[in-house]
Amino acid sequence: MKKLISIGLLFCLTSCYNQETLVDKSKLMGNDYRLFQDTPAWVLAKAVEAGDVKKIKEEVFQKKVSVDYQESRFGNTLLMLAIFNSEYDSAKNTIRIGRKA
């Protein structure tokens, strides 16, 4: 039983990642929000991933970050990533907010 708990804890710790740790983008898959690290859309990317509508609005309207910003490796936008990752509420909100901008 102790072994099973240890394996579960190890799996949990290795499957979680810290968004703020800089990554080698060449090793990321096309559906990873960390592709937007070190870009003007990084804060917006984290808000889209979290489904934080208030933060999405702030980034788009106050800071003028485009919802159509494309990451350089695959050319995906945040809307595309939200759809790829089945985050449909976040995608709907991003579309709605983007139309008003």
C-alpha atoms as a PDB file:
ATOM      1  CA  MET A   1       0.000   0.000   0.000  1.00  0.00           C
ATOM      2  CA  LYS A   2       2.822   2.365   0.882  1.00  0.00           C
ATOM      3  CA  LYS A   3       4.452   1.657  -2.471  1.00  0.00           C
ATOM      4  CA  LEU A   4       1.224   2.459  -4.311  1.00  0.00           C
ATOM      5  CA  ILE A   5       0.893   5.819  -2.536  1.00  0.00           C
ATOM      6  CA  SER A   6       4.533   6.637  -3.322  1.00  0.00           C
ATOM      7  CA  ILE A   7       4.033   5.817  -7.002  1.00  0.00           C
ATOM      8  CA  GLY A   8       0.862   7.919  -7.118  1.00  0.00           C
ATOM      9  CA  LEU A   9       2.596  10.877  -5.504  1.00  0.00           C
ATOM     10  CA  LEU A  10       5.569  10.574  -7.844  1.00  0.00           C
ATOM     11  CA  PHE A  11       3.258  10.461 -10.865  1.00  0.00           C
ATOM     12  CA  CYS A  12       1.383  13.540  -9.662  1.00  0.00           C
ATOM     13  CA  LEU A  13       4.564  15.514  -9.097  1.00  0.00           C
ATOM     14  CA  THR A  14       6.069  14.625 -12.463  1.00  0.00           C
ATOM     15  CA  SER A  15       2.871  15.240 -14.422  1.00  0.00           C
ATOM     16  CA  CYS A  16       2.426  18.741 -12.998  1.00  0.00           C
ATOM     17  CA  TYR A  17       4.460  21.591 -14.383  1.00  0.00           C
ATOM     18  CA  ASN A  18       5.285  25.093 -13.321  1.00  0.00           C
ATOM     19  CA  GLN A  19       4.159  27.499 -16.022  1.00  0.00           C
ATOM     20  CA  GLU A  20       6.746  30.067 -15.027  1.00  0.00           C
ATOM     21  CA  THR A  21       9.748  27.779 -15.523  1.00  0.00           C
ATOM     22  CA  LEU A  22      11.265  28.637 -18.897  1.00  0.00           C
ATOM     23  CA  VAL A  23      11.117  25.723 -21.282  1.00  0.00           C
ATOM     24  CA  ASP A  24      12.830  24.693 -24.488  1.00  0.00           C
ATOM     25  CA  LYS A  25       9.995  25.341 -26.933  1.00  0.00           C
ATOM     26  CA  SER A  26      11.508  22.957 -29.480  1.00  0.00           C
ATOM     27  CA  LYS A  27      10.517  20.103 -27.157  1.00  0.00           C
ATOM     28  CA  LEU A  28       6.879  21.169 -26.707  1.00  0.00           C
ATOM     29  CA  MET A  29       3.863  19.781 -28.532  1.00  0.00           C
ATOM     30  CA  GLY A  30       1.592  22.115 -30.491  1.00  0.00           C
ATOM     31  CA  ASN A  31      -1.114  22.157 -27.818  1.00  0.00           C
ATOM     32  CA  ASP A  32       1.073  23.547 -25.014  1.00  0.00           C
ATOM     33  CA  TYR A  33       0.304  27.055 -23.763  1.00  0.00           C
ATOM     34  CA  ARG A  34       3.945  27.457 -22.733  1.00  0.00           C
ATOM     35  CA  LEU A  35       4.708  28.085 -26.413  1.00  0.00           C
ATOM     36  CA  PHE A  36       3.608  31.643 -25.604  1.00  0.00           C
ATOM     37  CA  GLN A  37       6.286  32.155 -22.928  1.00  0.00           C
ATOM     38  CA  ASP A  38       8.378  35.278 -23.547  1.00  0.00           C
ATOM     39  CA  THR A  39       5.778  36.740 -25.906  1.00  0.00           C
ATOM     40  CA  PRO A  40       3.405  39.688 -25.461  1.00  0.00           C
ATOM     41  CA  ALA A  41       0.556  37.155 -25.165  1.00  0.00           C
ATOM     42  CA  TRP A  42       1.970  35.062 -22.271  1.00  0.00           C
ATOM     43  CA  VAL A  43      -0.312  36.493 -19.562  1.00  0.00           C
ATOM     44  CA  LEU A  44      -3.281  36.159 -21.932  1.00  0.00           C
ATOM     45  CA  ALA A  45      -2.288  32.544 -22.663  1.00  0.00           C
ATOM     46  CA  LYS A  46      -2.322  31.688 -18.960  1.00  0.00           C
ATOM     47  CA  ALA A  47      -5.722  33.375 -18.591  1.00  0.00           C
ATOM     48  CA  VAL A  48      -7.166  31.424 -21.543  1.00  0.00           C
ATOM     49  CA  GLU A  49      -5.799  28.153 -20.160  1.00  0.00           C
ATOM     50  CA  ALA A  50      -7.326  28.919 -16.739  1.00  0.00           C
ATOM     51  CA  GLY A  51     -10.616  30.151 -18.225  1.00  0.00           C
ATOM     52  CA  ASP A  52     -10.160  33.459 -16.359  1.00  0.00           C
ATOM     53  CA  VAL A  53     -12.612  35.726 -18.230  1.00  0.00           C
ATOM     54  CA  LYS A  54     -11.777  38.779 -16.113  1.00  0.00           C
ATOM     55  CA  LYS A  55      -8.055  38.468 -16.901  1.00  0.00           C
ATOM     56  CA  ILE A  56      -8.762  37.798 -20.602  1.00  0.00           C
ATOM     57  CA  LYS A  57     -10.782  41.032 -20.777  1.00  0.00           C
ATOM     58  CA  GLU A  58      -8.040  42.954 -18.971  1.00  0.00           C
ATOM     59  CA  GLU A  59      -5.339  41.730 -21.347  1.00  0.00           C
ATOM     60  CA  VAL A  60      -7.395  42.379 -24.495  1.00  0.00           C
ATOM     61  CA  PHE A  61      -9.016  45.700 -23.617  1.00  0.00           C
ATOM     62  CA  GLN A  62      -6.573  47.396 -21.255  1.00  0.00           C
ATOM     63  CA  LYS A  63      -3.242  45.985 -22.399  1.00  0.00           C
ATOM     64  CA  LYS A  64      -4.304  45.624 -26.067  1.00  0.00           C
ATOM     65  CA  VAL A  65      -3.007  42.065 -26.506  1.00  0.00           C
ATOM     66  CA  SER A  66      -4.454  40.497 -29.651  1.00  0.00           C
ATOM     67  CA  VAL A  67      -6.428  37.277 -29.311  1.00  0.00           C
ATOM     68  CA  ASP A  68      -5.049  36.462 -32.774  1.00  0.00           C
ATOM     69  CA  TYR A  69      -1.412  36.527 -31.639  1.00  0.00           C
ATOM     70  CA  GLN A  70       0.377  33.490 -33.121  1.00  0.00           C
ATOM     71  CA  GLU A  71       3.166  31.579 -31.419  1.00  0.00           C
ATOM     72  CA  SER A  72       6.191  31.161 -33.670  1.00  0.00           C
ATOM     73  CA  ARG A  73       6.807  27.406 -33.658  1.00  0.00           C
ATOM     74  CA  PHE A  74       3.492  26.046 -34.976  1.00  0.00           C
ATOM     75  CA  GLY A  75       1.692  29.308 -35.778  1.00  0.00           C
ATOM     76  CA  ASN A  76      -1.202  28.553 -33.429  1.00  0.00           C
ATOM     77  CA  THR A  77      -3.324  31.232 -31.811  1.00  0.00           C
ATOM     78  CA  LEU A  78      -4.706  31.025 -28.281  1.00  0.00           C
ATOM     79  CA  LEU A  79      -8.144  30.311 -29.701  1.00  0.00           C
ATOM     80  CA  MET A  80      -6.731  27.340 -31.614  1.00  0.00           C
ATOM     81  CA  LEU A  81      -5.038  26.029 -28.458  1.00  0.00           C
ATOM     82  CA  ALA A  82      -8.242  26.368 -26.429  1.00  0.00           C
ATOM     83  CA  ILE A  83     -10.064  24.289 -29.045  1.00  0.00           C
ATOM     84  CA  PHE A  84      -7.220  21.726 -29.341  1.00  0.00           C
ATOM     85  CA  ASN A  85      -7.327  21.315 -25.563  1.00  0.00           C
ATOM     86  CA  SER A  86     -11.159  20.997 -25.455  1.00  0.00           C
ATOM     87  CA  GLU A  87     -11.483  24.172 -23.393  1.00  0.00           C
ATOM     88  CA  TYR A  88     -14.635  25.256 -25.200  1.00  0.00           C
ATOM     89  CA  ASP A  89     -15.874  27.765 -22.601  1.00  0.00           C
ATOM     90  CA  SER A  90     -12.533  29.528 -22.752  1.00  0.00           C
ATOM     91  CA  ALA A  91     -12.654  29.466 -26.565  1.00  0.00           C
ATOM     92  CA  LYS A  92     -16.184  30.939 -26.603  1.00  0.00           C
ATOM     93  CA  ASN A  93     -15.206  33.693 -24.198  1.00  0.00           C
ATOM     94  CA  THR A  94     -12.054  34.484 -26.174  1.00  0.00           C
ATOM     95  CA  ILE A  95     -14.083  34.774 -29.402  1.00  0.00           C
ATOM     96  CA  ARG A  96     -16.708  36.954 -27.718  1.00  0.00           C
ATOM     97  CA  ILE A  97     -14.120  39.257 -26.151  1.00  0.00           C
ATOM     98  CA  GLY A  98     -12.047  39.383 -29.363  1.00  0.00           C
ATOM     99  CA  ARG A  99     -15.051  40.562 -31.373  1.00  0.00           C
ATOM    100  CA  LYS A 100     -15.572  43.493 -28.995  1.00  0.00           C
ATOM    101  CA  ALA A 101     -11.929  44.563 -29.118  1.00  0.00           C
END
